[in-house]
Amino acid sequence: KSGWLDSAVAHNTRKFLRGKWFMGVTVFSLFAALFLGEIFALAQVPSNTALDVLLSLVFVVFALEFLGCCATDTSYILGFFFWMDLLGTVSMIFDISFMAGIDVTEPFYVNRDSGSSQSNVIVVRATRATKLGARAGRISRVLKILRFLPFLMKSEDDKRVKMAKVISNQLTHGLSTRVAFLTIAIVVIMPLFTMFAYPEEDDSMGAWTQLLAVDATAFHEAWTSGNTTLTAIMKDRLVSEAARFKEFYKHISYGPFAVEFGESSDSGAFTPLPDELDLGLLVGWTFSGPGRKSSMRVVTQGRIQTFFDMTTPKVQEAGCNIGLICFIILIMCCFGLLMSS
């Protein structure tokens, strides 16, 4: 009794999905999904276009493979690889900017007037955990290609094995799957425990912005009162504080590249007032604005808005993420080699 699974279309689909050509495409897509976003961060690519196009193609490949396996393999549905492939495919939307990904053309804003500093830290941690979990779901696909590695491939004679060897292979596959799941679960779950913890981070950016905001308010009050002498004193104090602000980050890998004087609206929008005071002409900054806007941190409080170049920490973070993924893949490969021996 024939059905869909015995049809020529289903047979050819299974043959295509398991073929070397499509396997090569999925391997390339896998490594693009795992590393491409971090590579673009390392290179500080300033636009979304190239990454969005490449990851959209990867998303299509993953989706076609997932749908094809669901349609032609009953043992695949609701199994380990079904859920991991589903997670890995859906997670691609968090790396594509026009879906739910981060727009690299937009800076990271912190408005201290709204009292959202701690919530911003939690959002950043949640974003990192989401990205890490998304990539962890894709790592399970590495198990699918391990059998194509030269030292794990079996000859034609090895295929004619006895029942004991078949059972051993099944146990090895089951154990490998569980270890892979445990590894991925640890990578995903561990960051969640620190997501809502006290935000241990460098708060100097907010503290300096607050100090400058106090002097800026005093200067504005003197300027609006028409007292030229007091205005000059408050201006010198503000410029001196801005100079100390610059010197504080002189030997740090990140720091300010601009400070604007202006006013904040009730909606949180900041409007610079260069006619009243232009700090950019009075202070020479050590850092410069990054080409990739997402590597910029903008802190606003009162009448001051500070801009920070976070390029080096972002590059270091991307490098660490690549190292973490490579380490997990190495562990999986070593474990697969040990289990096959």
Protein backbone atom coordinates (compact mmCIF):
# COMPACT_ATOMS: atom_id res chain seq x y z
CA LYS A 1 0.00 0.00 0.00
CA SER A 2 1.70 3.13 -1.23
CA GLY A 3 1.35 6.61 0.18
CA TRP A 4 3.01 10.00 0.11
CA LEU A 5 6.19 8.77 1.81
CA ASP A 6 6.60 6.09 -0.88
CA SER A 7 5.95 8.45 -3.77
CA ALA A 8 8.63 9.52 -6.22
CA VAL A 9 8.40 13.14 -5.05
CA ALA A 10 9.04 12.22 -1.42
CA HIS A 11 11.86 9.88 -2.39
CA ASN A 12 13.55 12.49 -4.58
CA THR A 13 13.11 15.13 -1.85
CA ARG A 14 14.80 12.89 0.73
CA LYS A 15 17.58 12.12 -1.74
CA PHE A 16 18.07 15.82 -2.44
CA LEU A 17 18.12 16.79 1.25
CA ARG A 18 20.69 14.07 1.99
CA GLY A 19 22.77 14.77 -1.10
CA LYS A 20 26.27 16.23 -1.01
CA TRP A 21 25.27 19.39 -2.91
CA PHE A 22 22.53 20.39 -0.49
CA MET A 23 24.69 19.30 2.45
CA GLY A 24 27.39 21.68 1.23
CA VAL A 25 24.84 24.49 1.06
CA THR A 26 23.57 23.77 4.58
CA VAL A 27 27.12 23.62 5.97
CA PHE A 28 27.90 27.02 4.46
CA SER A 29 24.57 28.35 5.73
CA LEU A 30 25.26 26.97 9.21
CA PHE A 31 28.62 28.68 9.54
CA ALA A 32 27.14 31.88 8.12
CA ALA A 33 24.37 31.76 10.73
CA LEU A 34 26.85 31.10 13.54
CA PHE A 35 29.63 33.52 12.66
CA LEU A 36 28.51 36.06 10.08
CA GLY A 37 26.91 38.49 12.53
CA GLU A 38 29.99 38.47 14.77
CA ILE A 39 32.32 38.83 11.78
CA PHE A 40 30.41 41.93 10.67
CA ALA A 41 30.70 43.26 14.23
CA LEU A 42 34.46 42.59 14.22
CA ALA A 43 34.77 44.47 10.93
CA GLN A 44 32.44 47.21 12.22
CA VAL A 45 30.36 47.17 9.03
CA PRO A 46 28.20 50.33 9.23
CA SER A 47 25.09 49.10 7.36
CA ASN A 48 22.50 46.32 7.60
CA THR A 49 22.07 45.55 3.90
CA ALA A 50 24.75 42.94 3.23
CA LEU A 51 24.15 41.02 6.46
CA ASP A 52 20.36 41.10 6.04
CA VAL A 53 20.60 39.71 2.49
CA LEU A 54 22.96 36.88 3.44
CA LEU A 55 21.08 35.89 6.59
CA SER A 56 17.75 36.04 4.75
CA LEU A 57 19.13 33.48 2.26
CA VAL A 58 20.29 31.34 5.20
CA PHE A 59 16.82 31.63 6.74
CA VAL A 60 15.27 30.39 3.48
CA VAL A 61 17.68 27.42 3.33
CA PHE A 62 16.94 26.46 6.94
CA ALA A 63 13.19 26.80 6.40
CA LEU A 64 13.23 24.66 3.24
CA GLU A 65 15.27 21.97 4.97
CA PHE A 66 12.94 21.98 7.98
CA LEU A 67 9.78 21.76 5.86
CA GLY A 68 11.32 19.10 3.62
CA CYS A 69 12.29 16.90 6.57
CA CYS A 70 8.83 17.31 8.12
CA ALA A 71 7.16 16.31 4.86
CA THR A 72 9.30 13.26 4.07
CA ASP A 73 10.49 11.78 7.38
CA THR A 74 8.01 10.74 10.06
CA SER A 75 10.79 9.93 12.55
CA TYR A 76 11.98 13.55 12.34
CA ILE A 77 8.74 15.12 13.57
CA LEU A 78 8.78 16.06 17.29
CA GLY A 79 12.25 14.58 17.69
CA PHE A 80 15.36 16.28 19.09
CA PHE A 81 16.47 17.68 15.74
CA PHE A 82 12.93 18.83 14.97
CA TRP A 83 12.90 21.16 17.97
CA MET A 84 16.50 22.27 17.53
CA ASP A 85 16.00 22.98 13.83
CA LEU A 86 12.78 24.84 14.61
CA LEU A 87 14.56 26.93 17.24
CA GLY A 88 17.52 27.56 14.97
CA THR A 89 15.32 28.57 12.03
CA VAL A 90 13.00 30.85 14.01
CA SER A 91 15.97 32.41 15.81
CA MET A 92 17.26 33.80 12.52
CA ILE A 93 14.72 36.62 12.81
CA PHE A 94 16.69 37.99 15.78
CA ASP A 95 19.73 38.58 13.54
CA ILE A 96 17.87 40.21 10.63
CA SER A 97 17.31 43.92 11.22
CA PHE A 98 14.03 44.28 9.30
CA MET A 99 12.48 41.47 11.35
CA ALA A 100 13.45 41.50 15.04
CA GLY A 101 17.19 42.06 14.83
CA ILE A 102 19.33 44.97 15.98
CA ASP A 103 19.61 47.93 13.66
CA VAL A 104 23.34 48.74 13.46
CA THR A 105 22.54 52.22 12.16
CA GLU A 106 20.95 53.21 15.50
CA PRO A 107 22.94 54.09 18.66
CA PHE A 108 22.13 52.71 22.10
CA TYR A 109 20.31 55.43 24.05
CA VAL A 110 20.23 55.82 27.84
CA ASN A 111 17.94 58.50 29.28
CA ARG A 112 18.80 58.94 32.95
CA ASP A 113 15.96 61.43 33.43
CA SER A 114 13.42 58.64 32.92
CA GLY A 115 15.02 56.43 35.59
CA SER A 116 15.41 53.57 33.13
CA SER A 117 19.13 52.96 33.65
CA GLN A 118 18.69 49.59 35.39
CA SER A 119 15.98 48.47 32.96
CA ASN A 120 18.32 49.31 30.09
CA VAL A 121 20.96 47.03 31.60
CA ILE A 122 18.41 44.23 31.91
CA VAL A 123 17.36 44.75 28.28
CA VAL A 124 20.98 44.51 27.17
CA ARG A 125 21.47 41.30 29.16
CA ALA A 126 18.25 39.84 27.79
CA THR A 127 19.35 40.70 24.25
CA ARG A 128 22.70 39.01 24.76
CA ALA A 129 21.04 35.91 26.24
CA THR A 130 18.58 35.79 23.33
CA LYS A 131 21.36 36.05 20.75
CA LEU A 132 23.43 33.41 22.51
CA GLY A 133 20.44 31.10 22.82
CA ALA A 134 19.56 31.63 19.18
CA ARG A 135 23.04 30.63 18.05
CA ALA A 136 23.09 27.69 20.46
CA GLY A 137 19.99 26.30 18.76
CA ARG A 138 21.84 26.34 15.45
CA ILE A 139 24.86 24.52 16.89
CA SER A 140 22.79 21.33 17.03
CA ARG A 141 23.02 21.24 13.25
CA VAL A 142 26.73 20.51 13.66
CA LEU A 143 25.76 16.99 14.76
CA LYS A 144 24.20 16.42 11.35
CA ILE A 145 27.45 17.11 9.51
CA LEU A 146 29.81 15.29 11.87
CA ARG A 147 29.21 12.04 10.03
CA PHE A 148 30.67 13.62 6.89
CA LEU A 149 34.03 14.36 8.52
CA PRO A 150 36.84 12.15 7.14
CA PHE A 151 37.67 10.54 10.50
CA LEU A 152 34.00 9.74 11.24
CA MET A 153 32.94 8.37 7.84
CA LYS A 154 32.45 4.62 7.59
CA SER A 155 33.43 2.44 4.66
CA GLU A 156 31.05 0.26 2.74
CA ASP A 157 32.19 -2.80 4.71
CA ASP A 158 31.27 -1.13 7.98
CA LYS A 159 27.68 -0.84 6.87
CA ARG A 160 27.24 -4.58 6.98
CA VAL A 161 27.37 -4.90 10.72
CA LYS A 162 25.82 -7.27 13.17
CA MET A 163 22.94 -6.45 15.48
CA ALA A 164 25.29 -5.61 18.36
CA LYS A 165 27.00 -2.95 16.23
CA VAL A 166 23.64 -1.51 15.20
CA ILE A 167 22.55 -1.25 18.83
CA SER A 168 25.89 0.33 19.72
CA ASN A 169 25.46 2.95 17.01
CA GLN A 170 21.96 3.74 18.20
CA LEU A 171 23.16 4.13 21.79
CA THR A 172 26.03 6.32 20.61
CA HIS A 173 23.63 8.53 18.65
CA GLY A 174 21.29 8.80 21.61
CA LEU A 175 24.09 9.64 24.02
CA SER A 176 25.60 12.18 21.60
CA THR A 177 22.22 13.83 21.23
CA ARG A 178 21.77 14.13 24.98
CA VAL A 179 25.26 15.51 25.54
CA ALA A 180 24.70 18.04 22.75
CA PHE A 181 21.40 19.04 24.32
CA LEU A 182 23.05 19.38 27.74
CA THR A 183 25.82 21.56 26.27
CA ILE A 184 23.35 23.81 24.48
CA ALA A 185 21.09 24.02 27.54
CA ILE A 186 24.00 25.14 29.74
CA VAL A 187 25.00 27.82 27.23
CA VAL A 188 21.43 29.12 27.03
CA ILE A 189 20.31 28.83 30.65
CA MET A 190 23.38 30.03 32.57
CA PRO A 191 23.17 33.70 31.42
CA LEU A 192 19.51 33.84 32.49
CA PHE A 193 20.42 33.65 36.19
CA THR A 194 22.27 36.99 36.02
CA MET A 195 19.73 38.80 33.84
CA PHE A 196 17.86 40.44 36.74
CA ALA A 197 20.81 40.69 39.14
CA TYR A 198 22.15 44.00 40.38
CA PRO A 199 23.62 45.73 37.30
CA GLU A 200 27.35 45.45 37.89
CA GLU A 201 28.68 47.64 35.11
CA ASP A 202 30.72 50.76 34.55
CA ASP A 203 28.44 53.58 35.66
CA SER A 204 31.06 56.27 35.07
CA MET A 205 29.34 57.29 31.84
CA GLY A 206 26.15 58.10 33.72
CA ALA A 207 28.00 59.70 36.63
CA TRP A 208 29.98 62.06 34.38
CA THR A 209 26.84 62.96 32.47
CA GLN A 210 25.14 63.81 35.77
CA LEU A 211 28.05 66.04 36.86
CA LEU A 212 28.03 67.87 33.55
CA ALA A 213 24.25 68.24 33.73
CA VAL A 214 24.51 70.02 37.11
CA ASP A 215 27.00 72.55 35.71
CA ALA A 216 24.96 72.91 32.52
CA THR A 217 21.84 73.77 34.51
CA ALA A 218 23.76 76.38 36.51
CA PHE A 219 25.13 77.88 33.30
CA HIS A 220 21.68 78.04 31.70
CA GLU A 221 20.19 79.76 34.75
CA ALA A 222 22.99 82.35 34.71
CA TRP A 223 22.60 82.85 30.96
CA THR A 224 18.83 83.37 31.15
CA SER A 225 19.24 85.81 34.05
CA GLY A 226 21.42 88.07 31.90
CA ASN A 227 24.29 88.14 34.41
CA THR A 228 27.30 88.10 32.07
CA THR A 229 29.87 87.72 34.85
CA LEU A 230 28.13 84.72 36.40
CA THR A 231 27.53 83.29 32.92
CA ALA A 232 31.27 83.43 32.14
CA ILE A 233 32.12 81.76 35.46
CA MET A 234 29.58 78.96 34.92
CA LYS A 235 30.79 78.49 31.35
CA ASP A 236 34.41 78.14 32.45
CA ARG A 237 33.35 75.66 35.13
CA LEU A 238 31.41 73.57 32.61
CA VAL A 239 34.28 73.60 30.09
CA SER A 240 36.74 72.66 32.83
CA GLU A 241 34.51 69.77 33.91
CA ALA A 242 34.26 68.61 30.29
CA ALA A 243 38.06 68.66 30.05
CA ARG A 244 38.31 66.49 33.20
CA PHE A 245 35.68 64.25 31.65
CA LYS A 246 37.87 63.77 28.58
CA GLU A 247 41.03 63.09 30.63
CA PHE A 248 39.24 60.43 32.73
CA TYR A 249 38.90 58.15 29.66
CA LYS A 250 42.32 58.95 28.20
CA HIS A 251 43.83 55.52 28.98
CA ILE A 252 40.64 53.44 28.59
CA SER A 253 39.65 51.56 25.44
CA TYR A 254 36.36 53.47 25.21
CA GLY A 255 35.34 57.01 25.93
CA PRO A 256 33.51 60.20 24.88
CA PHE A 257 33.81 61.82 21.50
CA ALA A 258 31.18 64.55 21.87
CA VAL A 259 29.10 66.45 24.43
CA GLU A 260 26.07 68.52 23.48
CA PHE A 261 24.33 71.23 25.49
CA GLY A 262 20.59 71.57 24.94
CA GLU A 263 17.22 70.73 26.43
CA SER A 264 15.15 67.58 26.83
CA SER A 265 11.44 67.40 26.06
CA ASP A 266 8.85 65.45 28.03
CA SER A 267 8.97 62.73 25.36
CA GLY A 268 12.70 62.26 25.94
CA ALA A 269 13.85 63.93 22.72
CA PHE A 270 16.99 66.04 23.07
CA THR A 271 17.43 69.31 21.16
CA PRO A 272 20.97 70.76 20.99
CA LEU A 273 21.38 74.51 21.52
CA PRO A 274 24.74 75.36 19.91
CA ASP A 275 23.87 79.07 19.75
CA GLU A 276 23.78 79.16 23.53
CA LEU A 277 26.84 76.94 24.10
CA ASP A 278 28.84 74.73 21.73
CA LEU A 279 31.07 72.43 23.76
CA GLY A 280 32.39 70.75 20.62
CA LEU A 281 34.39 73.88 19.77
CA LEU A 282 35.76 74.26 23.31
CA VAL A 283 36.99 70.72 24.05
CA GLY A 284 39.24 68.58 21.83
CA TRP A 285 38.15 64.95 22.11
CA THR A 286 40.46 61.94 22.13
CA PHE A 287 37.94 59.54 20.61
CA SER A 288 36.02 59.85 17.35
CA GLY A 289 32.53 58.78 16.37
CA PRO A 290 32.26 55.14 15.21
CA GLY A 291 31.13 54.39 11.68
CA ARG A 292 28.86 51.62 13.01
CA LYS A 293 26.21 53.51 14.97
CA SER A 294 25.32 50.54 17.19
CA SER A 295 28.82 50.89 18.69
CA MET A 296 27.78 54.31 19.98
CA ARG A 297 26.29 54.87 23.45
CA VAL A 298 24.32 58.08 23.99
CA VAL A 299 23.58 59.14 27.59
CA THR A 300 21.14 61.98 28.29
CA GLN A 301 20.43 63.82 31.52
CA GLY A 302 19.03 67.30 31.98
CA ARG A 303 20.67 69.70 29.55
CA ILE A 304 23.58 67.42 28.63
CA GLN A 305 23.89 64.63 26.12
CA THR A 306 27.15 62.65 25.98
CA PHE A 307 28.31 60.37 23.16
CA PHE A 308 30.64 57.41 23.77
CA ASP A 309 32.67 55.35 21.31
CA MET A 310 32.20 51.69 22.34
CA THR A 311 33.92 50.16 19.31
CA THR A 312 36.65 48.27 21.19
CA PRO A 313 34.30 46.59 23.73
CA LYS A 314 31.95 45.60 20.89
CA VAL A 315 34.81 44.08 18.90
CA GLN A 316 36.06 42.21 21.97
CA GLU A 317 32.55 40.90 22.66
CA ALA A 318 32.20 39.65 19.09
CA GLY A 319 35.58 37.91 19.31
CA CYS A 320 34.60 36.22 22.58
CA ASN A 321 31.31 35.02 21.07
CA ILE A 322 33.16 33.50 18.12
CA GLY A 323 35.59 31.81 20.51
CA LEU A 324 32.72 30.40 22.58
CA ILE A 325 30.96 28.93 19.54
CA CYS A 326 34.23 27.43 18.23
CA PHE A 327 34.88 25.88 21.64
CA ILE A 328 31.42 24.27 21.74
CA ILE A 329 31.85 22.90 18.20
CA LEU A 330 35.30 21.54 19.13
CA ILE A 331 33.84 19.76 22.17
CA MET A 332 31.13 18.22 19.98
CA CYS A 333 33.66 17.09 17.37
CA CYS A 334 35.99 15.57 20.01
CA PHE A 335 33.06 13.83 21.68
CA GLY A 336 31.89 12.47 18.32
CA LEU A 337 35.40 11.18 17.59
CA LEU A 338 35.64 9.45 20.98
CA MET A 339 32.20 7.87 20.62
CA SER A 340 33.02 6.57 17.12
CA SER A 341 36.28 4.94 18.22
